[in-house]
Amino acid sequence: MADELTREFIEGLARLGVPDQYAQQFERYREELLDWNTRINLTAITDPEEVLVKHFLDSLSLLLAYDQPRTRLLDIGSGAGFPGLALKIVRPEWQVTLLEATNKKVLFLRHMVEALHLKDIEVMHGRAEELGHTRGYRAAFDMVTARAVAAIPVLLEYCAPYCHVHGRIILPKKGELTTELAQGKRAAAQVRAVFEADIPVELPGLADGRRLLVWKQRDLCPTQFPRSGAAMAKKPLG
């Protein structure tokens, strides 16, 4: 089974047009992730081969939706670096910001940036609803993503304030989304975004209903967004 999953990862890289020269960096990433995970909770996936596919390849699947040169990317709630750190490895020319609220995870991310000798990558310790009102980050990114377990309207309110006009918001999702997507489309109008594409992820080991929902920022997000987490929970958009 391990050999099969390893082949899935390599085949997945090939389908995405990612050269296998980055394999060694992913091996180091996996090694550090599983080592740190014995001390702090970074991932529930602890099988070494599943990490390759369900974390790394899943993160790289965003290239199916967006793959432009010299991109400025923001990953909200980056956790252990998915998808932002994985994308940075294979797109070293991108300028990447990883935003994470949990200090222990921030320490891991900073360790990985140093261990992998990555440049033009910033690890921010903070909350999306606060940094989103900060000059230099608001309306500053070409692509914003959040690989998080939250409803689409909430994710859009977090992401849209950071996205410049004509930039893209990419939300990885899975499963039946009819009602949630309808709510998301209504929420998008409030944050001045528009739904653009629903892209199925059909990569080795990931053909299980995963999708990439792509939104285009058609105008600047209104200044009242993002609201506090409590306000979002009490009265979600959409």
Protein backbone atom coordinates (compact mmCIF):
# COMPACT_ATOMS: atom_id res chain seq x y z
CA MET A 1 0.00 0.00 0.00
CA ALA A 2 2.84 2.38 0.83
CA ASP A 3 4.45 1.87 -2.58
CA GLU A 4 1.10 2.47 -4.27
CA LEU A 5 0.59 5.77 -2.45
CA THR A 6 4.14 6.84 -3.25
CA ARG A 7 3.41 6.22 -6.93
CA GLU A 8 0.21 8.22 -6.55
CA PHE A 9 2.14 11.20 -5.26
CA ILE A 10 4.73 11.08 -8.05
CA GLU A 11 2.03 10.61 -10.67
CA GLY A 12 0.08 13.49 -9.17
CA LEU A 13 3.09 15.78 -9.40
CA ALA A 14 3.51 14.83 -13.06
CA ARG A 15 -0.15 15.59 -13.82
CA LEU A 16 0.30 19.03 -12.29
CA GLY A 17 3.45 19.63 -14.28
CA VAL A 18 5.58 19.72 -11.12
CA PRO A 19 9.10 18.33 -11.67
CA ASP A 20 10.25 15.64 -9.25
CA GLN A 21 13.24 17.81 -8.29
CA TYR A 22 11.12 19.02 -5.35
CA ALA A 23 10.64 15.51 -3.95
CA GLN A 24 13.56 15.85 -1.53
CA GLN A 25 12.07 18.99 0.02
CA PHE A 26 8.76 17.22 0.53
CA GLU A 27 10.58 14.30 2.15
CA ARG A 28 12.16 16.73 4.63
CA TYR A 29 8.81 18.46 5.17
CA ARG A 30 7.12 15.14 5.93
CA GLU A 31 9.90 14.06 8.27
CA GLU A 32 9.70 17.28 10.29
CA LEU A 33 5.89 17.30 10.30
CA LEU A 34 5.62 13.80 11.75
CA ASP A 35 8.41 14.44 14.26
CA TRP A 36 6.84 17.67 15.55
CA ASN A 37 3.44 15.98 15.57
CA THR A 38 4.61 13.68 18.37
CA ARG A 39 4.84 16.77 20.59
CA ILE A 40 2.18 19.16 19.28
CA ASN A 41 -1.03 18.51 17.39
CA LEU A 42 -0.34 19.40 13.76
CA THR A 43 -2.17 16.67 11.84
CA ALA A 44 -4.51 13.74 12.40
CA ILE A 45 -2.97 12.05 9.37
CA THR A 46 0.11 10.21 10.59
CA ASP A 47 0.64 7.56 7.93
CA PRO A 48 3.77 8.73 6.05
CA GLU A 49 2.39 7.87 2.63
CA GLU A 50 -1.01 9.44 3.29
CA VAL A 51 0.76 12.68 4.24
CA LEU A 52 2.18 12.80 0.72
CA VAL A 53 -1.22 12.55 -0.95
CA LYS A 54 -3.81 13.91 1.48
CA HIS A 55 -1.74 16.88 2.61
CA PHE A 56 0.95 17.66 0.04
CA LEU A 57 -0.74 16.63 -3.22
CA ASP A 58 -4.07 17.99 -1.99
CA SER A 59 -2.38 21.35 -1.35
CA LEU A 60 -0.78 21.35 -4.79
CA SER A 61 -4.16 20.66 -6.41
CA LEU A 62 -4.81 24.41 -6.21
CA LEU A 63 -2.55 24.71 -9.25
CA LEU A 64 -5.46 23.25 -11.23
CA ALA A 65 -7.33 26.48 -10.55
CA TYR A 66 -4.56 29.07 -10.48
CA ASP A 67 -0.96 28.99 -11.68
CA GLN A 68 0.34 32.43 -12.57
CA PRO A 69 3.92 33.73 -12.31
CA ARG A 70 5.05 36.18 -9.60
CA THR A 71 1.92 35.60 -7.54
CA ARG A 72 1.40 37.07 -4.08
CA LEU A 73 -0.42 34.39 -2.09
CA LEU A 74 -2.10 34.51 1.32
CA ASP A 75 -2.96 31.27 3.12
CA ILE A 76 -5.39 31.94 5.98
CA GLY A 77 -5.30 29.50 8.86
CA SER A 78 -2.28 27.78 7.42
CA GLY A 79 -1.93 25.26 10.24
CA ALA A 80 1.00 23.03 9.35
CA GLY A 81 1.42 24.81 6.02
CA PHE A 82 -1.40 23.48 3.87
CA PRO A 83 -1.71 24.63 1.20
CA GLY A 84 0.58 27.69 1.33
CA LEU A 85 3.91 26.15 2.32
CA ALA A 86 3.50 23.22 -0.07
CA LEU A 87 2.73 25.61 -2.92
CA LYS A 88 5.76 27.75 -2.07
CA ILE A 89 8.05 24.72 -2.43
CA VAL A 90 7.03 24.14 -6.07
CA ARG A 91 6.55 27.82 -6.96
CA PRO A 92 9.64 29.43 -5.37
CA GLU A 93 9.09 32.68 -7.28
CA TRP A 94 5.77 33.29 -5.50
CA GLN A 95 5.60 35.65 -2.53
CA VAL A 96 3.73 33.75 0.16
CA THR A 97 2.24 34.82 3.49
CA LEU A 98 1.13 32.14 5.95
CA LEU A 99 -1.34 33.43 8.56
CA GLU A 100 -1.86 31.26 11.64
CA ALA A 101 -3.40 32.06 15.02
CA THR A 102 -1.90 29.21 17.07
CA ASN A 103 1.60 30.02 18.30
CA LYS A 104 2.87 26.42 18.33
CA LYS A 105 1.94 26.03 14.68
CA VAL A 106 3.60 29.36 13.89
CA LEU A 107 6.82 28.04 15.45
CA PHE A 108 6.61 24.93 13.26
CA LEU A 109 6.03 26.99 10.12
CA ARG A 110 9.00 29.24 10.86
CA HIS A 111 11.13 26.18 11.52
CA MET A 112 10.15 24.71 8.14
CA VAL A 113 10.88 27.95 6.28
CA GLU A 114 14.38 27.87 7.75
CA ALA A 115 14.87 24.13 7.27
CA LEU A 116 13.87 24.30 3.60
CA HIS A 117 15.86 27.53 2.98
CA LEU A 118 12.82 29.31 1.53
CA LYS A 119 12.87 32.98 0.55
CA ASP A 120 10.05 35.49 0.03
CA ILE A 121 7.79 33.79 2.55
CA GLU A 122 6.34 35.40 5.67
CA VAL A 123 4.82 33.60 8.64
CA MET A 124 2.34 35.81 10.49
CA HIS A 125 1.02 35.05 13.99
CA GLY A 126 -2.44 36.56 14.09
CA ARG A 127 -6.13 36.35 13.31
CA ALA A 128 -7.63 36.96 9.89
CA GLU A 129 -10.35 39.27 11.19
CA GLU A 130 -7.70 41.59 12.67
CA LEU A 131 -4.97 41.56 10.00
CA GLY A 132 -7.62 42.13 7.34
CA HIS A 133 -7.91 45.76 8.44
CA THR A 134 -4.15 46.36 8.27
CA ARG A 135 -2.50 48.46 5.57
CA GLY A 136 -0.10 46.40 3.51
CA TYR A 137 -2.29 43.30 3.73
CA ARG A 138 -5.74 44.54 2.82
CA ALA A 139 -6.46 44.26 -0.93
CA ALA A 140 -2.84 43.23 -1.46
CA PHE A 141 -2.93 39.64 -2.72
CA ASP A 142 -3.37 38.02 -6.13
CA MET A 143 -4.65 34.80 -4.61
CA VAL A 144 -6.17 34.08 -1.20
CA THR A 145 -7.05 30.65 0.12
CA ALA A 146 -8.25 28.99 3.30
CA ARG A 147 -8.15 25.21 3.61
CA ALA A 148 -10.37 25.19 6.65
CA VAL A 149 -13.44 23.48 8.04
CA ALA A 150 -15.79 26.44 7.85
CA ALA A 151 -18.82 27.35 5.76
CA ILE A 152 -18.28 29.14 2.47
CA PRO A 153 -19.84 32.47 3.61
CA VAL A 154 -17.45 32.61 6.58
CA LEU A 155 -14.43 31.78 4.43
CA LEU A 156 -15.38 34.44 1.89
CA GLU A 157 -15.66 37.09 4.60
CA TYR A 158 -12.20 36.14 5.85
CA CYS A 159 -10.62 36.07 2.39
CA ALA A 160 -12.20 38.87 0.36
CA PRO A 161 -10.72 41.83 2.31
CA TYR A 162 -7.20 40.63 1.42
CA CYS A 163 -7.87 40.11 -2.29
CA HIS A 164 -7.12 42.91 -4.74
CA VAL A 165 -9.56 43.73 -7.51
CA HIS A 166 -9.50 40.94 -10.13
CA GLY A 167 -7.65 38.66 -7.72
CA ARG A 168 -8.87 35.14 -6.93
CA ILE A 169 -10.18 33.40 -3.83
CA ILE A 170 -9.81 29.61 -3.98
CA LEU A 171 -11.66 27.48 -1.45
CA PRO A 172 -10.92 23.72 -1.36
CA LYS A 173 -14.10 21.85 -0.45
CA LYS A 174 -15.48 18.33 -0.47
CA GLY A 175 -18.86 16.64 -0.63
CA GLU A 176 -22.39 17.85 -1.27
CA LEU A 177 -22.40 21.64 -1.39
CA THR A 178 -25.64 22.71 -3.07
CA THR A 179 -27.08 24.68 -0.14
CA GLU A 180 -23.74 25.97 1.12
CA LEU A 181 -22.70 27.13 -2.35
CA ALA A 182 -25.99 29.00 -2.80
CA GLN A 183 -25.38 30.76 0.52
CA GLY A 184 -21.83 31.48 -0.59
CA LYS A 185 -22.98 33.14 -3.79
CA ARG A 186 -25.23 35.47 -1.79
CA ALA A 187 -22.41 36.20 0.66
CA ALA A 188 -20.03 36.88 -2.23
CA ALA A 189 -22.21 39.74 -3.42
CA GLN A 190 -21.84 41.40 -0.02
CA VAL A 191 -18.02 41.22 -0.11
CA ARG A 192 -17.92 42.22 -3.81
CA ALA A 193 -16.81 38.85 -5.15
CA VAL A 194 -18.38 36.71 -7.86
CA PHE A 195 -18.41 32.94 -8.31
CA GLU A 196 -16.21 31.91 -11.23
CA ALA A 197 -15.60 28.15 -11.33
CA ASP A 198 -16.18 24.79 -9.65
CA ILE A 199 -13.20 22.61 -10.52
CA PRO A 200 -13.20 18.89 -9.64
CA VAL A 201 -9.95 17.54 -8.21
CA GLU A 202 -9.19 14.35 -10.12
CA LEU A 203 -5.70 13.45 -8.99
CA PRO A 204 -4.36 10.07 -7.81
CA GLY A 205 -5.68 9.28 -4.34
CA LEU A 206 -7.89 12.36 -4.26
CA ALA A 207 -10.82 11.42 -6.52
CA ASP A 208 -13.26 11.47 -3.61
CA GLY A 209 -15.44 14.48 -4.31
CA ARG A 210 -12.84 17.21 -3.68
CA ARG A 211 -13.48 20.50 -5.47
CA LEU A 212 -11.89 23.88 -5.86
CA LEU A 213 -14.37 26.75 -5.68
CA VAL A 214 -12.98 29.83 -7.41
CA TRP A 215 -14.20 33.38 -6.80
CA LYS A 216 -13.10 36.58 -8.50
CA GLN A 217 -12.86 39.84 -6.55
CA ARG A 218 -14.78 42.21 -8.82
CA ASP A 219 -14.41 45.29 -6.58
CA LEU A 220 -12.79 46.27 -3.30
CA CYS A 221 -14.32 44.54 -0.31
CA PRO A 222 -16.37 46.99 1.84
CA THR A 223 -14.40 48.29 4.80
CA GLN A 224 -16.68 46.77 7.46
CA PHE A 225 -15.44 43.30 6.55
CA PRO A 226 -14.12 41.13 8.04
CA ARG A 227 -16.22 41.43 11.17
CA SER A 228 -15.27 39.82 14.46
CA GLY A 229 -15.53 36.07 14.78
CA ALA A 230 -18.44 36.49 17.18
CA ALA A 231 -20.33 38.68 14.68
CA MET A 232 -19.74 36.15 11.90
CA ALA A 233 -21.06 33.33 14.07
CA LYS A 234 -24.11 35.32 15.22
CA LYS A 235 -25.09 36.61 11.81
CA PRO A 236 -23.25 34.90 8.92
CA LEU A 237 -23.37 36.44 5.48
CA GLY A 238 -25.59 34.92 2.82
